[in-house]
Amino acid sequence: MGSGFQGRTFLLLVDMELLALAAGIRQTRKVQDEEELVEAWESRGRGPNFIHVVLRPGNAAVQNIPLAPAEIRERFVRGFQG
């Protein structure tokens, strides 16, 4: 079992790209893999842009992160501070 919210999700039923278009974002793109993502990122125009990355559901079989929640937060914040 993964971490975080484990309740039922309706995200599989919502086309996020169509939602972005409905919100007025004209430049949207749906990508299925890393190659398409790189191409979409490199060819994006002036914003706003929306790239819908379609992911396979599930969790990878990996070990837990060996850091306390406070350490994770501090590293995250430092990443934005440069």
PDB file of N, CA and C in Angstrom:
ATOM      1  N   MET A   1       0.841  -1.182   0.000  1.00  0.00           N
ATOM      2  CA  MET A   1       0.000   0.000   0.000  1.00  0.00           C
ATOM      3  C   MET A   1       0.883   1.242   0.000  1.00  0.00           C
ATOM      4  N   GLY A   2       0.495   2.237  -0.756  1.00  0.00           N
ATOM      5  CA  GLY A   2       1.268   3.466  -0.843  1.00  0.00           C
ATOM      6  C   GLY A   2       0.931   4.429   0.272  1.00  0.00           C
ATOM      7  N   SER A   3       1.569   5.573   0.238  1.00  0.00           N
ATOM      8  CA  SER A   3       1.313   6.588   1.255  1.00  0.00           C
ATOM      9  C   SER A   3       0.329   7.605   0.709  1.00  0.00           C
ATOM     10  N   GLY A   4      -0.200   8.402   1.580  1.00  0.00           N
ATOM     11  CA  GLY A   4      -1.107   9.460   1.153  1.00  0.00           C
ATOM     12  C   GLY A   4      -2.543   8.983   1.067  1.00  0.00           C
ATOM     13  N   PHE A   5      -3.355   9.765   0.397  1.00  0.00           N
ATOM     14  CA  PHE A   5      -4.785   9.489   0.271  1.00  0.00           C
ATOM     15  C   PHE A   5      -5.011   8.203  -0.507  1.00  0.00           C
ATOM     16  N   GLN A   6      -5.729   7.279   0.066  1.00  0.00           N
ATOM     17  CA  GLN A   6      -5.977   5.988  -0.575  1.00  0.00           C
ATOM     18  C   GLN A   6      -7.442   5.801  -0.950  1.00  0.00           C
ATOM     19  N   GLY A   7      -8.217   6.867  -0.905  1.00  0.00           N
ATOM     20  CA  GLY A   7      -9.628   6.771  -1.245  1.00  0.00           C
ATOM     21  C   GLY A   7      -9.843   6.642  -2.741  1.00  0.00           C
ATOM     22  N   ARG A   8     -11.089   6.531  -3.124  1.00  0.00           N
ATOM     23  CA  ARG A   8     -11.443   6.398  -4.533  1.00  0.00           C
ATOM     24  C   ARG A   8     -11.177   7.711  -5.253  1.00  0.00           C
ATOM     25  N   THR A   9     -10.609   7.609  -6.443  1.00  0.00           N
ATOM     26  CA  THR A   9     -10.324   8.806  -7.226  1.00  0.00           C
ATOM     27  C   THR A   9     -11.100   8.762  -8.533  1.00  0.00           C
ATOM     28  N   PHE A  10     -11.486   9.915  -9.009  1.00  0.00           N
ATOM     29  CA  PHE A  10     -12.200  10.011 -10.272  1.00  0.00           C
ATOM     30  C   PHE A  10     -11.313  10.589 -11.367  1.00  0.00           C
ATOM     31  N   LEU A  11     -10.020  10.718 -11.081  1.00  0.00           N
ATOM     32  CA  LEU A  11      -9.111  11.305 -12.061  1.00  0.00           C
ATOM     33  C   LEU A  11      -9.047  10.508 -13.352  1.00  0.00           C
ATOM     34  N   LEU A  12      -9.263   9.205 -13.284  1.00  0.00           N
ATOM     35  CA  LEU A  12      -9.242   8.398 -14.504  1.00  0.00           C
ATOM     36  C   LEU A  12     -10.422   8.725 -15.411  1.00  0.00           C
ATOM     37  N   LEU A  13     -11.439   9.370 -14.856  1.00  0.00           N
ATOM     38  CA  LEU A  13     -12.634   9.694 -15.625  1.00  0.00           C
ATOM     39  C   LEU A  13     -12.621  11.119 -16.162  1.00  0.00           C
ATOM     40  N   VAL A  14     -11.641  11.920 -15.774  1.00  0.00           N
ATOM     41  CA  VAL A  14     -11.587  13.331 -16.156  1.00  0.00           C
ATOM     42  C   VAL A  14     -10.452  13.550 -17.146  1.00  0.00           C
ATOM     43  N   ASP A  15     -10.753  14.165 -18.271  1.00  0.00           N
ATOM     44  CA  ASP A  15      -9.715  14.516 -19.243  1.00  0.00           C
ATOM     45  C   ASP A  15      -9.192  15.900 -18.862  1.00  0.00           C
ATOM     46  N   MET A  16      -8.034  15.922 -18.220  1.00  0.00           N
ATOM     47  CA  MET A  16      -7.482  17.174 -17.716  1.00  0.00           C
ATOM     48  C   MET A  16      -7.170  18.160 -18.843  1.00  0.00           C
ATOM     49  N   GLU A  17      -6.805  17.656 -20.011  1.00  0.00           N
ATOM     50  CA  GLU A  17      -6.532  18.545 -21.141  1.00  0.00           C
ATOM     51  C   GLU A  17      -7.803  19.285 -21.549  1.00  0.00           C
ATOM     52  N   LEU A  18      -8.933  18.584 -21.598  1.00  0.00           N
ATOM     53  CA  LEU A  18     -10.199  19.241 -21.928  1.00  0.00           C
ATOM     54  C   LEU A  18     -10.597  20.241 -20.850  1.00  0.00           C
ATOM     55  N   LEU A  19     -10.306  19.928 -19.617  1.00  0.00           N
ATOM     56  CA  LEU A  19     -10.593  20.857 -18.522  1.00  0.00           C
ATOM     57  C   LEU A  19      -9.766  22.130 -18.670  1.00  0.00           C
ATOM     58  N   ALA A  20      -8.491  21.985 -19.053  1.00  0.00           N
ATOM     59  CA  ALA A  20      -7.631  23.150 -19.285  1.00  0.00           C
ATOM     60  C   ALA A  20      -8.171  23.991 -20.439  1.00  0.00           C
ATOM     61  N   LEU A  21      -8.599  23.334 -21.514  1.00  0.00           N
ATOM     62  CA  LEU A  21      -9.187  24.067 -22.642  1.00  0.00           C
ATOM     63  C   LEU A  21     -10.443  24.816 -22.198  1.00  0.00           C
ATOM     64  N   ALA A  22     -11.273  24.172 -21.399  1.00  0.00           N
ATOM     65  CA  ALA A  22     -12.495  24.810 -20.907  1.00  0.00           C
ATOM     66  C   ALA A  22     -12.183  26.004 -20.016  1.00  0.00           C
ATOM     67  N   ALA A  23     -11.026  25.983 -19.360  1.00  0.00           N
ATOM     68  CA  ALA A  23     -10.608  27.090 -18.500  1.00  0.00           C
ATOM     69  C   ALA A  23      -9.966  28.221 -19.294  1.00  0.00           C
ATOM     70  N   GLY A  24      -9.862  28.051 -20.611  1.00  0.00           N
ATOM     71  CA  GLY A  24      -9.333  29.122 -21.445  1.00  0.00           C
ATOM     72  C   GLY A  24      -7.875  28.982 -21.833  1.00  0.00           C
ATOM     73  N   ILE A  25      -7.243  27.892 -21.479  1.00  0.00           N
ATOM     74  CA  ILE A  25      -5.850  27.677 -21.877  1.00  0.00           C
ATOM     75  C   ILE A  25      -5.856  27.101 -23.285  1.00  0.00           C
ATOM     76  N   ARG A  26      -5.353  27.863 -24.231  1.00  0.00           N
ATOM     77  CA  ARG A  26      -5.431  27.445 -25.639  1.00  0.00           C
ATOM     78  C   ARG A  26      -4.333  26.476 -26.044  1.00  0.00           C
ATOM     79  N   GLN A  27      -3.177  26.589 -25.432  1.00  0.00           N
ATOM     80  CA  GLN A  27      -2.049  25.733 -25.800  1.00  0.00           C
ATOM     81  C   GLN A  27      -1.977  24.559 -24.832  1.00  0.00           C
ATOM     82  N   THR A  28      -2.554  23.440 -25.246  1.00  0.00           N
ATOM     83  CA  THR A  28      -2.548  22.242 -24.415  1.00  0.00           C
ATOM     84  C   THR A  28      -1.959  21.085 -25.208  1.00  0.00           C
ATOM     85  N   ARG A  29      -1.525  20.101 -24.485  1.00  0.00           N
ATOM     86  CA  ARG A  29      -0.933  18.923 -25.123  1.00  0.00           C
ATOM     87  C   ARG A  29      -1.063  17.751 -24.173  1.00  0.00           C
ATOM     88  N   LYS A  30      -1.360  16.580 -24.703  1.00  0.00           N
ATOM     89  CA  LYS A  30      -1.416  15.354 -23.910  1.00  0.00           C
ATOM     90  C   LYS A  30      -0.263  14.469 -24.344  1.00  0.00           C
ATOM     91  N   VAL A  31       0.533  13.978 -23.385  1.00  0.00           N
ATOM     92  CA  VAL A  31       1.696  13.151 -23.707  1.00  0.00           C
ATOM     93  C   VAL A  31       1.612  11.829 -22.955  1.00  0.00           C
ATOM     94  N   GLN A  32       2.210  10.792 -23.564  1.00  0.00           N
ATOM     95  CA  GLN A  32       2.129   9.443 -23.007  1.00  0.00           C
ATOM     96  C   GLN A  32       3.458   8.916 -22.475  1.00  0.00           C
ATOM     97  N   ASP A  33       4.573   9.532 -22.885  1.00  0.00           N
ATOM     98  CA  ASP A  33       5.871   8.996 -22.462  1.00  0.00           C
ATOM     99  C   ASP A  33       6.895  10.121 -22.363  1.00  0.00           C
ATOM    100  N   GLU A  34       8.091   9.768 -21.931  1.00  0.00           N
ATOM    101  CA  GLU A  34       9.142  10.761 -21.697  1.00  0.00           C
ATOM    102  C   GLU A  34       9.527  11.493 -22.979  1.00  0.00           C
ATOM    103  N   GLU A  35       9.608  10.778 -24.075  1.00  0.00           N
ATOM    104  CA  GLU A  35       9.978  11.406 -25.347  1.00  0.00           C
ATOM    105  C   GLU A  35       8.961  12.467 -25.757  1.00  0.00           C
ATOM    106  N   GLU A  36       7.686  12.143 -25.638  1.00  0.00           N
ATOM    107  CA  GLU A  36       6.638  13.114 -25.965  1.00  0.00           C
ATOM    108  C   GLU A  36       6.670  14.301 -25.005  1.00  0.00           C
ATOM    109  N   LEU A  37       6.978  14.049 -23.741  1.00  0.00           N
ATOM    110  CA  LEU A  37       7.050  15.129 -22.758  1.00  0.00           C
ATOM    111  C   LEU A  37       8.173  16.099 -23.097  1.00  0.00           C
ATOM    112  N   VAL A  38       9.341  15.572 -23.425  1.00  0.00           N
ATOM    113  CA  VAL A  38      10.474  16.430 -23.784  1.00  0.00           C
ATOM    114  C   VAL A  38      10.124  17.262 -25.014  1.00  0.00           C
ATOM    115  N   GLU A  39       9.511  16.643 -26.011  1.00  0.00           N
ATOM    116  CA  GLU A  39       9.152  17.357 -27.239  1.00  0.00           C
ATOM    117  C   GLU A  39       8.119  18.444 -26.944  1.00  0.00           C
ATOM    118  N   ALA A  40       7.125  18.131 -26.118  1.00  0.00           N
ATOM    119  CA  ALA A  40       6.099  19.117 -25.768  1.00  0.00           C
ATOM    120  C   ALA A  40       6.709  20.283 -25.003  1.00  0.00           C
ATOM    121  N   TRP A  41       7.620  19.986 -24.088  1.00  0.00           N
ATOM    122  CA  TRP A  41       8.264  21.034 -23.293  1.00  0.00           C
ATOM    123  C   TRP A  41       9.110  21.938 -24.175  1.00  0.00           C
ATOM    124  N   GLU A  42       9.896  21.338 -25.048  1.00  0.00           N
ATOM    125  CA  GLU A  42      10.809  22.118 -25.883  1.00  0.00           C
ATOM    126  C   GLU A  42      10.082  22.915 -26.961  1.00  0.00           C
ATOM    127  N   SER A  43       8.894  22.487 -27.354  1.00  0.00           N
ATOM    128  CA  SER A  43       8.176  23.185 -28.421  1.00  0.00           C
ATOM    129  C   SER A  43       7.064  24.091 -27.891  1.00  0.00           C
ATOM    130  N   ARG A  44       6.981  24.227 -26.570  1.00  0.00           N
ATOM    131  CA  ARG A  44       5.910  25.061 -26.020  1.00  0.00           C
ATOM    132  C   ARG A  44       6.128  26.513 -26.430  1.00  0.00           C
ATOM    133  N   GLY A  45       5.042  27.216 -26.592  1.00  0.00           N
ATOM    134  CA  GLY A  45       5.128  28.627 -26.934  1.00  0.00           C
ATOM    135  C   GLY A  45       4.966  29.478 -25.691  1.00  0.00           C
ATOM    136  N   ARG A  46       4.695  30.753 -25.931  1.00  0.00           N
ATOM    137  CA  ARG A  46       4.404  31.638 -24.798  1.00  0.00           C
ATOM    138  C   ARG A  46       3.156  31.154 -24.108  1.00  0.00           C
ATOM    139  N   GLY A  47       3.155  31.225 -22.815  1.00  0.00           N
ATOM    140  CA  GLY A  47       2.052  30.679 -22.025  1.00  0.00           C
ATOM    141  C   GLY A  47       0.798  31.518 -22.043  1.00  0.00           C
ATOM    142  N   PRO A  48      -0.184  31.039 -21.373  1.00  0.00           N
ATOM    143  CA  PRO A  48      -0.101  29.832 -20.563  1.00  0.00           C
ATOM    144  C   PRO A  48      -0.135  28.559 -21.411  1.00  0.00           C
ATOM    145  N   ASN A  49       0.526  27.535 -20.915  1.00  0.00           N
ATOM    146  CA  ASN A  49       0.562  26.223 -21.546  1.00  0.00           C
ATOM    147  C   ASN A  49       0.093  25.188 -20.532  1.00  0.00           C
ATOM    148  N   PHE A  50      -0.435  24.089 -21.044  1.00  0.00           N
ATOM    149  CA  PHE A  50      -0.828  22.980 -20.177  1.00  0.00           C
ATOM    150  C   PHE A  50      -0.386  21.689 -20.839  1.00  0.00           C
ATOM    151  N   ILE A  51       0.425  20.914 -20.132  1.00  0.00           N
ATOM    152  CA  ILE A  51       0.859  19.611 -20.633  1.00  0.00           C
ATOM    153  C   ILE A  51       0.274  18.554 -19.705  1.00  0.00           C
ATOM    154  N   HIS A  52      -0.598  17.737 -20.262  1.00  0.00           N
ATOM    155  CA  HIS A  52      -1.232  16.655 -19.503  1.00  0.00           C
ATOM    156  C   HIS A  52      -0.388  15.402 -19.692  1.00  0.00           C
ATOM    157  N   VAL A  53       0.288  14.985 -18.634  1.00  0.00           N
ATOM    158  CA  VAL A  53       1.135  13.790 -18.682  1.00  0.00           C
ATOM    159  C   VAL A  53       0.306  12.610 -18.183  1.00  0.00           C
ATOM    160  N   VAL A  54       0.029  11.669 -19.066  1.00  0.00           N
ATOM    161  CA  VAL A  54      -0.763  10.490 -18.718  1.00  0.00           C
ATOM    162  C   VAL A  54       0.168   9.456 -18.083  1.00  0.00           C
ATOM    163  N   LEU A  55      -0.154   9.050 -16.874  1.00  0.00           N
ATOM    164  CA  LEU A  55       0.670   8.092 -16.127  1.00  0.00           C
ATOM    165  C   LEU A  55      -0.087   6.790 -15.921  1.00  0.00           C
ATOM    166  N   ARG A  56       0.659   5.711 -15.805  1.00  0.00           N
ATOM    167  CA  ARG A  56       0.057   4.427 -15.455  1.00  0.00           C
ATOM    168  C   ARG A  56      -0.198   4.423 -13.953  1.00  0.00           C
ATOM    169  N   PRO A  57      -1.366   3.966 -13.524  1.00  0.00           N
ATOM    170  CA  PRO A  57      -1.639   3.923 -12.088  1.00  0.00           C
ATOM    171  C   PRO A  57      -0.786   2.867 -11.394  1.00  0.00           C
ATOM    172  N   GLY A  58      -0.546   3.103 -10.121  1.00  0.00           N
ATOM    173  CA  GLY A  58       0.181   2.122  -9.327  1.00  0.00           C
ATOM    174  C   GLY A  58       1.397   2.716  -8.659  1.00  0.00           C
ATOM    175  N   ASN A  59       1.992   1.925  -7.819  1.00  0.00           N
ATOM    176  CA  ASN A  59       3.186   2.332  -7.082  1.00  0.00           C
ATOM    177  C   ASN A  59       4.333   1.408  -7.440  1.00  0.00           C
ATOM    178  N   ALA A  60       5.501   1.958  -7.546  1.00  0.00           N
ATOM    179  CA  ALA A  60       6.692   1.143  -7.779  1.00  0.00           C
ATOM    180  C   ALA A  60       7.069   0.431  -6.485  1.00  0.00           C
ATOM    181  N   ALA A  61       7.663  -0.725  -6.614  1.00  0.00           N
ATOM    182  CA  ALA A  61       8.112  -1.482  -5.445  1.00  0.00           C
ATOM    183  C   ALA A  61       9.475  -0.955  -5.009  1.00  0.00           C
ATOM    184  N   VAL A  62       9.454   0.110  -4.224  1.00  0.00           N
ATOM    185  CA  VAL A  62      10.688   0.744  -3.754  1.00  0.00           C
ATOM    186  C   VAL A  62      10.631   0.880  -2.232  1.00  0.00           C
ATOM    187  N   GLN A  63      11.792   1.088  -1.632  1.00  0.00           N
ATOM    188  CA  GLN A  63      11.857   1.281  -0.187  1.00  0.00           C
ATOM    189  C   GLN A  63      11.329   2.663   0.182  1.00  0.00           C
ATOM    190  N   ASN A  64      10.926   2.794   1.430  1.00  0.00           N
ATOM    191  CA  ASN A  64      10.498   4.097   1.929  1.00  0.00           C
ATOM    192  C   ASN A  64      11.671   5.068   1.934  1.00  0.00           C
ATOM    193  N   ILE A  65      11.372   6.351   1.833  1.00  0.00           N
ATOM    194  CA  ILE A  65      12.398   7.390   1.880  1.00  0.00           C
ATOM    195  C   ILE A  65      12.938   7.457   3.307  1.00  0.00           C
ATOM    196  N   PRO A  66      14.255   7.353   3.481  1.00  0.00           N
ATOM    197  CA  PRO A  66      14.827   7.308   4.833  1.00  0.00           C
ATOM    198  C   PRO A  66      15.007   8.687   5.465  1.00  0.00           C
ATOM    199  N   LEU A  67      14.028   9.562   5.310  1.00  0.00           N
ATOM    200  CA  LEU A  67      14.097  10.911   5.877  1.00  0.00           C
ATOM    201  C   LEU A  67      12.822  11.185   6.659  1.00  0.00           C
ATOM    202  N   ALA A  68      12.952  11.987   7.688  1.00  0.00           N
ATOM    203  CA  ALA A  68      11.782  12.426   8.445  1.00  0.00           C
ATOM    204  C   ALA A  68      11.016  13.452   7.613  1.00  0.00           C
ATOM    205  N   PRO A  69       9.706  13.587   7.834  1.00  0.00           N
ATOM    206  CA  PRO A  69       8.930  14.567   7.072  1.00  0.00           C
ATOM    207  C   PRO A  69       9.517  15.974   7.115  1.00  0.00           C
ATOM    208  N   ALA A  70      10.029  16.403   8.263  1.00  0.00           N
ATOM    209  CA  ALA A  70      10.620  17.747   8.365  1.00  0.00           C
ATOM    210  C   ALA A  70      11.841  17.876   7.465  1.00  0.00           C
ATOM    211  N   GLU A  71      12.645  16.821   7.371  1.00  0.00           N
ATOM    212  CA  GLU A  71      13.826  16.849   6.497  1.00  0.00           C
ATOM    213  C   GLU A  71      13.423  16.944   5.030  1.00  0.00           C
ATOM    214  N   ILE A  72      12.375  16.233   4.664  1.00  0.00           N
ATOM    215  CA  ILE A  72      11.890  16.289   3.281  1.00  0.00           C
ATOM    216  C   ILE A  72      11.436  17.704   2.954  1.00  0.00           C
ATOM    217  N   ARG A  73      10.675  18.302   3.882  1.00  0.00           N
ATOM    218  CA  ARG A  73      10.186  19.672   3.665  1.00  0.00           C
ATOM    219  C   ARG A  73      11.345  20.646   3.526  1.00  0.00           C
ATOM    220  N   GLU A  74      12.332  20.533   4.401  1.00  0.00           N
ATOM    221  CA  GLU A  74      13.482  21.449   4.361  1.00  0.00           C
ATOM    222  C   GLU A  74      14.246  21.328   3.048  1.00  0.00           C
ATOM    223  N   ARG A  75      14.443  20.114   2.570  1.00  0.00           N
ATOM    224  CA  ARG A  75      15.131  19.917   1.286  1.00  0.00           C
ATOM    225  C   ARG A  75      14.317  20.515   0.141  1.00  0.00           C
ATOM    226  N   PHE A  76      13.002  20.339   0.205  1.00  0.00           N
ATOM    227  CA  PHE A  76      12.122  20.882  -0.824  1.00  0.00           C
ATOM    228  C   PHE A  76      12.217  22.408  -0.864  1.00  0.00           C
ATOM    229  N   VAL A  77      12.126  23.041   0.297  1.00  0.00           N
ATOM    230  CA  VAL A  77      12.197  24.504   0.385  1.00  0.00           C
ATOM    231  C   VAL A  77      13.558  25.007  -0.079  1.00  0.00           C
ATOM    232  N   ARG A  78      14.637  24.346   0.335  1.00  0.00           N
ATOM    233  CA  ARG A  78      15.985  24.743  -0.101  1.00  0.00           C
ATOM    234  C   ARG A  78      16.118  24.680  -1.618  1.00  0.00           C
ATOM    235  N   GLY A  79      15.451  23.736  -2.238  1.00  0.00           N
ATOM    236  CA  GLY A  79      15.505  23.615  -3.692  1.00  0.00           C
ATOM    237  C   GLY A  79      14.971  24.853  -4.393  1.00  0.00           C
ATOM    238  N   PHE A  80      13.988  25.511  -3.802  1.00  0.00           N
ATOM    239  CA  PHE A  80      13.436  26.731  -4.388  1.00  0.00           C
ATOM    240  C   PHE A  80      14.283  27.956  -4.067  1.00  0.00           C
ATOM    241  N   GLN A  81      15.013  27.887  -2.987  1.00  0.00           N
ATOM    242  CA  GLN A  81      15.829  29.025  -2.579  1.00  0.00           C
ATOM    243  C   GLN A  81      17.155  29.085  -3.319  1.00  0.00           C
ATOM    244  N   GLY A  82      17.520  28.003  -3.965  1.00  0.00           N
ATOM    245  CA  GLY A  82      18.752  27.978  -4.759  1.00  0.00           C
ATOM    246  C   GLY A  82      19.918  27.732  -3.918  1.00  0.00           C
TER     247      GLY A  82
END
